[in-house]
Amino acid sequence: MEIRLSLKTVYCGIFIGSKMVARACVEKYSEDFWEIADVRTAKGFRNHGYAYQLCLFILAYVLSQNKTATIRTEENNDTMQKVICKLGFKKL
């Protein structure tokens, strides 16, 4: 995985060869709360656990910085809802 830094957002991705097949980021929207966001997997590479791997990687990063991690998705995004549940987040 590769991490590229910016002022408010940190992106990482999963590459197969030189092609990025999945990406996600952490959005630092406050001093203490950072969100796992913009989770995307390219068509043809879905259902391999890449979204979960990225979210788990970012979650570990957020927690290592002593921040509170948040994550959200649309109600009808069943795939991401499963990832969120598997990561141990509770629905508010």
PDB file of N, CA and C in Angstrom:
ATOM      1  N   MET A   1       0.842  -1.171   0.000  1.00  0.00           N
ATOM      2  CA  MET A   1       0.000   0.000   0.000  1.00  0.00           C
ATOM      3  C   MET A   1       0.885   1.230   0.000  1.00  0.00           C
ATOM      4  N   GLU A   2       0.382   2.263  -0.614  1.00  0.00           N
ATOM      5  CA  GLU A   2       1.119   3.515  -0.711  1.00  0.00           C
ATOM      6  C   GLU A   2       0.323   4.593  -0.008  1.00  0.00           C
ATOM      7  N   ILE A   3       1.005   5.434   0.744  1.00  0.00           N
ATOM      8  CA  ILE A   3       0.354   6.554   1.427  1.00  0.00           C
ATOM      9  C   ILE A   3       0.874   7.855   0.833  1.00  0.00           C
ATOM     10  N   ARG A   4      -0.060   8.721   0.449  1.00  0.00           N
ATOM     11  CA  ARG A   4       0.300  10.053  -0.033  1.00  0.00           C
ATOM     12  C   ARG A   4      -0.337  11.049   0.909  1.00  0.00           C
ATOM     13  N   LEU A   5       0.438  11.982   1.406  1.00  0.00           N
ATOM     14  CA  LEU A   5      -0.040  12.916   2.417  1.00  0.00           C
ATOM     15  C   LEU A   5      -0.500  14.237   1.818  1.00  0.00           C
ATOM     16  N   SER A   6      -1.536  14.791   2.412  1.00  0.00           N
ATOM     17  CA  SER A   6      -1.964  16.149   2.107  1.00  0.00           C
ATOM     18  C   SER A   6      -2.335  16.798   3.432  1.00  0.00           C
ATOM     19  N   LEU A   7      -2.774  18.030   3.404  1.00  0.00           N
ATOM     20  CA  LEU A   7      -3.068  18.733   4.640  1.00  0.00           C
ATOM     21  C   LEU A   7      -4.211  18.113   5.436  1.00  0.00           C
ATOM     22  N   LYS A   8      -5.269  17.704   4.775  1.00  0.00           N
ATOM     23  CA  LYS A   8      -6.447  17.212   5.471  1.00  0.00           C
ATOM     24  C   LYS A   8      -6.793  15.760   5.147  1.00  0.00           C
ATOM     25  N   THR A   9      -6.252  15.212   4.097  1.00  0.00           N
ATOM     26  CA  THR A   9      -6.663  13.899   3.635  1.00  0.00           C
ATOM     27  C   THR A   9      -5.444  13.041   3.346  1.00  0.00           C
ATOM     28  N   VAL A  10      -5.521  11.786   3.790  1.00  0.00           N
ATOM     29  CA  VAL A  10      -4.458  10.826   3.514  1.00  0.00           C
ATOM     30  C   VAL A  10      -5.085   9.682   2.715  1.00  0.00           C
ATOM     31  N   TYR A  11      -4.567   9.441   1.516  1.00  0.00           N
ATOM     32  CA  TYR A  11      -5.061   8.359   0.659  1.00  0.00           C
ATOM     33  C   TYR A  11      -4.120   7.171   0.698  1.00  0.00           C
ATOM     34  N   CYS A  12      -4.676   5.998   0.506  1.00  0.00           N
ATOM     35  CA  CYS A  12      -3.872   4.799   0.294  1.00  0.00           C
ATOM     36  C   CYS A  12      -4.572   3.966  -0.771  1.00  0.00           C
ATOM     37  N   GLY A  13      -3.825   3.064  -1.371  1.00  0.00           N
ATOM     38  CA  GLY A  13      -4.396   2.249  -2.429  1.00  0.00           C
ATOM     39  C   GLY A  13      -3.786   0.870  -2.475  1.00  0.00           C
ATOM     40  N   ILE A  14      -4.504  -0.019  -3.119  1.00  0.00           N
ATOM     41  CA  ILE A  14      -3.997  -1.359  -3.397  1.00  0.00           C
ATOM     42  C   ILE A  14      -3.689  -1.409  -4.883  1.00  0.00           C
ATOM     43  N   PHE A  15      -2.465  -1.817  -5.186  1.00  0.00           N
ATOM     44  CA  PHE A  15      -2.005  -1.893  -6.564  1.00  0.00           C
ATOM     45  C   PHE A  15      -1.771  -3.349  -6.953  1.00  0.00           C
ATOM     46  N   ILE A  16      -2.157  -3.670  -8.157  1.00  0.00           N
ATOM     47  CA  ILE A  16      -1.781  -4.938  -8.771  1.00  0.00           C
ATOM     48  C   ILE A  16      -0.927  -4.538  -9.971  1.00  0.00           C
ATOM     49  N   GLY A  17       0.347  -4.875  -9.885  1.00  0.00           N
ATOM     50  CA  GLY A  17       1.289  -4.337 -10.866  1.00  0.00           C
ATOM     51  C   GLY A  17       1.344  -2.838 -10.684  1.00  0.00           C
ATOM     52  N   SER A  18       1.158  -2.104 -11.757  1.00  0.00           N
ATOM     53  CA  SER A  18       1.167  -0.644 -11.666  1.00  0.00           C
ATOM     54  C   SER A  18      -0.244  -0.056 -11.627  1.00  0.00           C
ATOM     55  N   LYS A  19      -1.265  -0.923 -11.585  1.00  0.00           N
ATOM     56  CA  LYS A  19      -2.652  -0.454 -11.609  1.00  0.00           C
ATOM     57  C   LYS A  19      -3.243  -0.400 -10.199  1.00  0.00           C
ATOM     58  N   MET A  20      -3.770   0.778  -9.834  1.00  0.00           N
ATOM     59  CA  MET A  20      -4.477   0.902  -8.565  1.00  0.00           C
ATOM     60  C   MET A  20      -5.859   0.284  -8.748  1.00  0.00           C
ATOM     61  N   VAL A  21      -6.163  -0.733  -7.954  1.00  0.00           N
ATOM     62  CA  VAL A  21      -7.444  -1.421  -8.090  1.00  0.00           C
ATOM     63  C   VAL A  21      -8.432  -1.038  -6.993  1.00  0.00           C
ATOM     64  N   ALA A  22      -7.930  -0.416  -5.926  1.00  0.00           N
ATOM     65  CA  ALA A  22      -8.808   0.035  -4.845  1.00  0.00           C
ATOM     66  C   ALA A  22      -8.136   1.194  -4.120  1.00  0.00           C
ATOM     67  N   ARG A  23      -8.979   2.065  -3.553  1.00  0.00           N
ATOM     68  CA  ARG A  23      -8.439   3.206  -2.814  1.00  0.00           C
ATOM     69  C   ARG A  23      -9.388   3.557  -1.680  1.00  0.00           C
ATOM     70  N   ALA A  24      -8.846   4.281  -0.718  1.00  0.00           N
ATOM     71  CA  ALA A  24      -9.639   4.831   0.381  1.00  0.00           C
ATOM     72  C   ALA A  24      -8.806   5.937   1.016  1.00  0.00           C
ATOM     73  N   CYS A  25      -9.432   6.705   1.891  1.00  0.00           N
ATOM     74  CA  CYS A  25      -8.689   7.782   2.539  1.00  0.00           C
ATOM     75  C   CYS A  25      -9.174   7.986   3.961  1.00  0.00           C
ATOM     76  N   VAL A  26      -8.408   8.758   4.692  1.00  0.00           N
ATOM     77  CA  VAL A  26      -8.844   9.254   5.991  1.00  0.00           C
ATOM     78  C   VAL A  26      -9.004  10.761   5.848  1.00  0.00           C
ATOM     79  N   GLU A  27     -10.195  11.237   6.185  1.00  0.00           N
ATOM     80  CA  GLU A  27     -10.473  12.672   6.163  1.00  0.00           C
ATOM     81  C   GLU A  27     -10.387  13.185   7.594  1.00  0.00           C
ATOM     82  N   LYS A  28      -9.472  14.105   7.803  1.00  0.00           N
ATOM     83  CA  LYS A  28      -9.241  14.665   9.138  1.00  0.00           C
ATOM     84  C   LYS A  28     -10.167  15.868   9.312  1.00  0.00           C
ATOM     85  N   TYR A  29     -11.422  15.579   9.670  1.00  0.00           N
ATOM     86  CA  TYR A  29     -12.406  16.650   9.713  1.00  0.00           C
ATOM     87  C   TYR A  29     -12.481  17.369  11.050  1.00  0.00           C
ATOM     88  N   SER A  30     -11.765  16.887  12.057  1.00  0.00           N
ATOM     89  CA  SER A  30     -11.628  17.632  13.310  1.00  0.00           C
ATOM     90  C   SER A  30     -10.343  17.172  13.980  1.00  0.00           C
ATOM     91  N   GLU A  31      -9.989  17.805  15.056  1.00  0.00           N
ATOM     92  CA  GLU A  31      -8.764  17.441  15.768  1.00  0.00           C
ATOM     93  C   GLU A  31      -8.804  16.012  16.288  1.00  0.00           C
ATOM     94  N   ASP A  32      -9.969  15.556  16.713  1.00  0.00           N
ATOM     95  CA  ASP A  32     -10.067  14.253  17.364  1.00  0.00           C
ATOM     96  C   ASP A  32     -10.800  13.172  16.578  1.00  0.00           C
ATOM     97  N   PHE A  33     -11.582  13.545  15.572  1.00  0.00           N
ATOM     98  CA  PHE A  33     -12.387  12.585  14.824  1.00  0.00           C
ATOM     99  C   PHE A  33     -11.961  12.559  13.359  1.00  0.00           C
ATOM    100  N   TRP A  34     -11.522  11.393  12.913  1.00  0.00           N
ATOM    101  CA  TRP A  34     -11.091  11.219  11.522  1.00  0.00           C
ATOM    102  C   TRP A  34     -11.950  10.138  10.880  1.00  0.00           C
ATOM    103  N   GLU A  35     -12.349  10.386   9.641  1.00  0.00           N
ATOM    104  CA  GLU A  35     -13.272   9.472   8.954  1.00  0.00           C
ATOM    105  C   GLU A  35     -12.593   8.640   7.872  1.00  0.00           C
ATOM    106  N   ILE A  36     -12.900   7.362   7.860  1.00  0.00           N
ATOM    107  CA  ILE A  36     -12.519   6.490   6.747  1.00  0.00           C
ATOM    108  C   ILE A  36     -13.504   6.810   5.624  1.00  0.00           C
ATOM    109  N   ALA A  37     -12.989   7.211   4.464  1.00  0.00           N
ATOM    110  CA  ALA A  37     -13.875   7.736   3.428  1.00  0.00           C
ATOM    111  C   ALA A  37     -13.393   7.375   2.022  1.00  0.00           C
ATOM    112  N   ASP A  38     -14.229   7.686   1.060  1.00  0.00           N
ATOM    113  CA  ASP A  38     -13.936   7.558  -0.376  1.00  0.00           C
ATOM    114  C   ASP A  38     -13.401   6.163  -0.724  1.00  0.00           C
ATOM    115  N   VAL A  39     -14.063   5.152  -0.197  1.00  0.00           N
ATOM    116  CA  VAL A  39     -13.659   3.768  -0.444  1.00  0.00           C
ATOM    117  C   VAL A  39     -14.181   3.349  -1.820  1.00  0.00           C
ATOM    118  N   ARG A  40     -13.264   2.937  -2.683  1.00  0.00           N
ATOM    119  CA  ARG A  40     -13.626   2.566  -4.059  1.00  0.00           C
ATOM    120  C   ARG A  40     -12.817   1.344  -4.483  1.00  0.00           C
ATOM    121  N   THR A  41     -13.473   0.435  -5.188  1.00  0.00           N
ATOM    122  CA  THR A  41     -12.793  -0.700  -5.806  1.00  0.00           C
ATOM    123  C   THR A  41     -13.207  -0.737  -7.268  1.00  0.00           C
ATOM    124  N   ALA A  42     -12.232  -0.882  -8.151  1.00  0.00           N
ATOM    125  CA  ALA A  42     -12.497  -0.904  -9.587  1.00  0.00           C
ATOM    126  C   ALA A  42     -13.318  -2.134  -9.967  1.00  0.00           C
ATOM    127  N   LYS A  43     -14.214  -1.953 -10.930  1.00  0.00           N
ATOM    128  CA  LYS A  43     -14.973  -3.094 -11.448  1.00  0.00           C
ATOM    129  C   LYS A  43     -13.984  -4.149 -11.935  1.00  0.00           C
ATOM    130  N   GLY A  44     -14.339  -5.370 -11.722  1.00  0.00           N
ATOM    131  CA  GLY A  44     -13.461  -6.460 -12.091  1.00  0.00           C
ATOM    132  C   GLY A  44     -12.529  -6.877 -10.966  1.00  0.00           C
ATOM    133  N   PHE A  45     -12.455  -6.060  -9.913  1.00  0.00           N
ATOM    134  CA  PHE A  45     -11.607  -6.364  -8.762  1.00  0.00           C
ATOM    135  C   PHE A  45     -12.411  -6.402  -7.465  1.00  0.00           C
ATOM    136  N   ARG A  46     -13.725  -6.321  -7.599  1.00  0.00           N
ATOM    137  CA  ARG A  46     -14.595  -6.335  -6.422  1.00  0.00           C
ATOM    138  C   ARG A  46     -14.738  -7.760  -5.878  1.00  0.00           C
ATOM    139  N   ASN A  47     -15.198  -7.840  -4.641  1.00  0.00           N
ATOM    140  CA  ASN A  47     -15.434  -9.124  -3.960  1.00  0.00           C
ATOM    141  C   ASN A  47     -14.156  -9.917  -3.710  1.00  0.00           C
ATOM    142  N   HIS A  48     -13.058  -9.188  -3.494  1.00  0.00           N
ATOM    143  CA  HIS A  48     -11.791  -9.810  -3.114  1.00  0.00           C
ATOM    144  C   HIS A  48     -11.334  -9.338  -1.737  1.00  0.00           C
ATOM    145  N   GLY A  49     -12.179  -8.551  -1.055  1.00  0.00           N
ATOM    146  CA  GLY A  49     -11.842  -8.069   0.278  1.00  0.00           C
ATOM    147  C   GLY A  49     -10.965  -6.825   0.296  1.00  0.00           C
ATOM    148  N   TYR A  50     -10.776  -6.181  -0.858  1.00  0.00           N
ATOM    149  CA  TYR A  50      -9.891  -5.017  -0.914  1.00  0.00           C
ATOM    150  C   TYR A  50     -10.428  -3.844  -0.092  1.00  0.00           C
ATOM    151  N   ALA A  51     -11.724  -3.596  -0.154  1.00  0.00           N
ATOM    152  CA  ALA A  51     -12.301  -2.491   0.629  1.00  0.00           C
ATOM    153  C   ALA A  51     -12.077  -2.735   2.120  1.00  0.00           C
ATOM    154  N   TYR A  52     -12.295  -3.956   2.556  1.00  0.00           N
ATOM    155  CA  TYR A  52     -12.075  -4.284   3.968  1.00  0.00           C
ATOM    156  C   TYR A  52     -10.603  -4.093   4.334  1.00  0.00           C
ATOM    157  N   GLN A  53      -9.697  -4.566   3.509  1.00  0.00           N
ATOM    158  CA  GLN A  53      -8.266  -4.433   3.786  1.00  0.00           C
ATOM    159  C   GLN A  53      -7.861  -2.969   3.916  1.00  0.00           C
ATOM    160  N   LEU A  54      -8.339  -2.137   2.993  1.00  0.00           N
ATOM    161  CA  LEU A  54      -8.015  -0.713   3.052  1.00  0.00           C
ATOM    162  C   LEU A  54      -8.592  -0.055   4.297  1.00  0.00           C
ATOM    163  N   CYS A  55      -9.849  -0.353   4.589  1.00  0.00           N
ATOM    164  CA  CYS A  55     -10.485   0.248   5.760  1.00  0.00           C
ATOM    165  C   CYS A  55      -9.795  -0.198   7.041  1.00  0.00           C
ATOM    166  N   LEU A  56      -9.397  -1.449   7.116  1.00  0.00           N
ATOM    167  CA  LEU A  56      -8.683  -1.947   8.288  1.00  0.00           C
ATOM    168  C   LEU A  56      -7.328  -1.252   8.433  1.00  0.00           C
ATOM    169  N   PHE A  57      -6.634  -1.057   7.320  1.00  0.00           N
ATOM    170  CA  PHE A  57      -5.353  -0.354   7.311  1.00  0.00           C
ATOM    171  C   PHE A  57      -5.518   1.080   7.812  1.00  0.00           C
ATOM    172  N   ILE A  58      -6.537   1.769   7.290  1.00  0.00           N
ATOM    173  CA  ILE A  58      -6.785   3.159   7.694  1.00  0.00           C
ATOM    174  C   ILE A  58      -7.236   3.224   9.150  1.00  0.00           C
ATOM    175  N   LEU A  59      -8.081   2.300   9.565  1.00  0.00           N
ATOM    176  CA  LEU A  59      -8.514   2.259  10.961  1.00  0.00           C
ATOM    177  C   LEU A  59      -7.309   2.134  11.894  1.00  0.00           C
ATOM    178  N   ALA A  60      -6.388   1.255  11.570  1.00  0.00           N
ATOM    179  CA  ALA A  60      -5.176   1.090  12.383  1.00  0.00           C
ATOM    180  C   ALA A  60      -4.366   2.384  12.417  1.00  0.00           C
ATOM    181  N   TYR A  61      -4.285   3.062  11.269  1.00  0.00           N
ATOM    182  CA  TYR A  61      -3.566   4.339  11.202  1.00  0.00           C
ATOM    183  C   TYR A  61      -4.228   5.380  12.107  1.00  0.00           C
ATOM    184  N   VAL A  62      -5.545   5.511  12.006  1.00  0.00           N
ATOM    185  CA  VAL A  62      -6.274   6.497  12.811  1.00  0.00           C
ATOM    186  C   VAL A  62      -6.070   6.219  14.298  1.00  0.00           C
ATOM    187  N   LEU A  63      -6.223   4.980  14.687  1.00  0.00           N
ATOM    188  CA  LEU A  63      -6.064   4.623  16.096  1.00  0.00           C
ATOM    189  C   LEU A  63      -4.631   4.827  16.574  1.00  0.00           C
ATOM    190  N   SER A  64      -3.660   4.595  15.686  1.00  0.00           N
ATOM    191  CA  SER A  64      -2.253   4.807  16.071  1.00  0.00           C
ATOM    192  C   SER A  64      -1.951   6.280  16.335  1.00  0.00           C
ATOM    193  N   GLN A  65      -2.787   7.156  15.800  1.00  0.00           N
ATOM    194  CA  GLN A  65      -2.632   8.599  16.014  1.00  0.00           C
ATOM    195  C   GLN A  65      -3.459   9.085  17.207  1.00  0.00           C
ATOM    196  N   ASN A  66      -4.051   8.129  17.935  1.00  0.00           N
ATOM    197  CA  ASN A  66      -4.894   8.425  19.096  1.00  0.00           C
ATOM    198  C   ASN A  66      -6.107   9.283  18.744  1.00  0.00           C
ATOM    199  N   LYS A  67      -6.706   8.982  17.588  1.00  0.00           N
ATOM    200  CA  LYS A  67      -7.908   9.675  17.136  1.00  0.00           C
ATOM    201  C   LYS A  67      -9.083   8.707  17.176  1.00  0.00           C
ATOM    202  N   THR A  68     -10.283   9.250  17.126  1.00  0.00           N
ATOM    203  CA  THR A  68     -11.493   8.443  17.048  1.00  0.00           C
ATOM    204  C   THR A  68     -11.853   8.275  15.577  1.00  0.00           C
ATOM    205  N   ALA A  69     -12.020   7.030  15.168  1.00  0.00           N
ATOM    206  CA  ALA A  69     -12.353   6.730  13.768  1.00  0.00           C
ATOM    207  C   ALA A  69     -13.861   6.707  13.573  1.00  0.00           C
ATOM    208  N   THR A  70     -14.292   7.278  12.454  1.00  0.00           N
ATOM    209  CA  THR A  70     -15.690   7.200  12.050  1.00  0.00           C
ATOM    210  C   THR A  70     -15.733   6.691  10.619  1.00  0.00           C
ATOM    211  N   ILE A  71     -16.901   6.206  10.223  1.00  0.00           N
ATOM    212  CA  ILE A  71     -17.099   5.720   8.859  1.00  0.00           C
ATOM    213  C   ILE A  71     -18.596   5.769   8.576  1.00  0.00           C
ATOM    214  N   ARG A  72     -18.955   6.003   7.328  1.00  0.00           N
ATOM    215  CA  ARG A  72     -20.377   6.041   6.973  1.00  0.00           C
ATOM    216  C   ARG A  72     -20.546   5.662   5.518  1.00  0.00           C
ATOM    217  N   THR A  73     -21.754   5.274   5.184  1.00  0.00           N
ATOM    218  CA  THR A  73     -22.105   4.960   3.804  1.00  0.00           C
ATOM    219  C   THR A  73     -23.607   5.088   3.647  1.00  0.00           C
ATOM    220  N   GLU A  74     -24.061   4.913   2.452  1.00  0.00           N
ATOM    221  CA  GLU A  74     -25.499   4.969   2.187  1.00  0.00           C
ATOM    222  C   GLU A  74     -26.183   3.742   2.788  1.00  0.00           C
ATOM    223  N   GLU A  75     -27.434   3.902   3.192  1.00  0.00           N
ATOM    224  CA  GLU A  75     -28.211   2.802   3.769  1.00  0.00           C
ATOM    225  C   GLU A  75     -28.312   1.602   2.825  1.00  0.00           C
ATOM    226  N   ASN A  76     -28.380   1.861   1.522  1.00  0.00           N
ATOM    227  CA  ASN A  76     -28.573   0.777   0.547  1.00  0.00           C
ATOM    228  C   ASN A  76     -27.260   0.204   0.003  1.00  0.00           C
ATOM    229  N   ASN A  77     -26.120   0.638   0.531  1.00  0.00           N
ATOM    230  CA  ASN A  77     -24.829   0.115   0.096  1.00  0.00           C
ATOM    231  C   ASN A  77     -24.498  -1.108   0.960  1.00  0.00           C
ATOM    232  N   ASP A  78     -25.094  -2.243   0.599  1.00  0.00           N
ATOM    233  CA  ASP A  78     -24.963  -3.454   1.408  1.00  0.00           C
ATOM    234  C   ASP A  78     -23.524  -3.923   1.555  1.00  0.00           C
ATOM    235  N   THR A  79     -22.744  -3.812   0.495  1.00  0.00           N
ATOM    236  CA  THR A  79     -21.353  -4.252   0.559  1.00  0.00           C
ATOM    237  C   THR A  79     -20.579  -3.451   1.595  1.00  0.00           C
ATOM    238  N   MET A  80     -20.703  -2.146   1.557  1.00  0.00           N
ATOM    239  CA  MET A  80     -19.980  -1.309   2.513  1.00  0.00           C
ATOM    240  C   MET A  80     -20.549  -1.461   3.912  1.00  0.00           C
ATOM    241  N   GLN A  81     -21.853  -1.670   4.026  1.00  0.00           N
ATOM    242  CA  GLN A  81     -22.456  -1.918   5.341  1.00  0.00           C
ATOM    243  C   GLN A  81     -21.818  -3.154   5.983  1.00  0.00           C
ATOM    244  N   LYS A  82     -21.556  -4.189   5.189  1.00  0.00           N
ATOM    245  CA  LYS A  82     -20.910  -5.405   5.707  1.00  0.00           C
ATOM    246  C   LYS A  82     -19.479  -5.117   6.151  1.00  0.00           C
ATOM    247  N   VAL A  83     -18.754  -4.313   5.370  1.00  0.00           N
ATOM    248  CA  VAL A  83     -17.379  -3.945   5.735  1.00  0.00           C
ATOM    249  C   VAL A  83     -17.392  -3.204   7.066  1.00  0.00           C
ATOM    250  N   ILE A  84     -18.290  -2.244   7.200  1.00  0.00           N
ATOM    251  CA  ILE A  84     -18.376  -1.439   8.417  1.00  0.00           C
ATOM    252  C   ILE A  84     -18.674  -2.327   9.627  1.00  0.00           C
ATOM    253  N   CYS A  85     -19.590  -3.241   9.472  1.00  0.00           N
ATOM    254  CA  CYS A  85     -19.939  -4.158  10.555  1.00  0.00           C
ATOM    255  C   CYS A  85     -18.761  -5.058  10.909  1.00  0.00           C
ATOM    256  N   LYS A  86     -18.081  -5.583   9.892  1.00  0.00           N
ATOM    257  CA  LYS A  86     -16.919  -6.466  10.115  1.00  0.00           C
ATOM    258  C   LYS A  86     -15.786  -5.735  10.837  1.00  0.00           C
ATOM    259  N   LEU A  87     -15.666  -4.432  10.612  1.00  0.00           N
ATOM    260  CA  LEU A  87     -14.647  -3.630  11.291  1.00  0.00           C
ATOM    261  C   LEU A  87     -15.003  -3.374  12.755  1.00  0.00           C
ATOM    262  N   GLY A  88     -16.249  -3.636  13.121  1.00  0.00           N
ATOM    263  CA  GLY A  88     -16.656  -3.480  14.508  1.00  0.00           C
ATOM    264  C   GLY A  88     -17.325  -2.168  14.852  1.00  0.00           C
ATOM    265  N   PHE A  89     -17.660  -1.367  13.840  1.00  0.00           N
ATOM    266  CA  PHE A  89     -18.336  -0.104  14.094  1.00  0.00           C
ATOM    267  C   PHE A  89     -19.783  -0.366  14.483  1.00  0.00           C
ATOM    268  N   LYS A  90     -20.332   0.511  15.298  1.00  0.00           N
ATOM    269  CA  LYS A  90     -21.733   0.434  15.713  1.00  0.00           C
ATOM    270  C   LYS A  90     -22.522   1.502  14.975  1.00  0.00           C
ATOM    271  N   LYS A  91     -23.724   1.136  14.561  1.00  0.00           N
ATOM    272  CA  LYS A  91     -24.604   2.053  13.844  1.00  0.00           C
ATOM    273  C   LYS A  91     -25.218   3.047  14.827  1.00  0.00           C
ATOM    274  N   LEU A  92     -25.169   4.330  14.461  1.00  0.00           N
ATOM    275  CA  LEU A  92     -25.767   5.373  15.302  1.00  0.00           C
ATOM    276  C   LEU A  92     -27.151   5.723  14.817  1.00  0.00           C
TER     277      LEU A  92
END
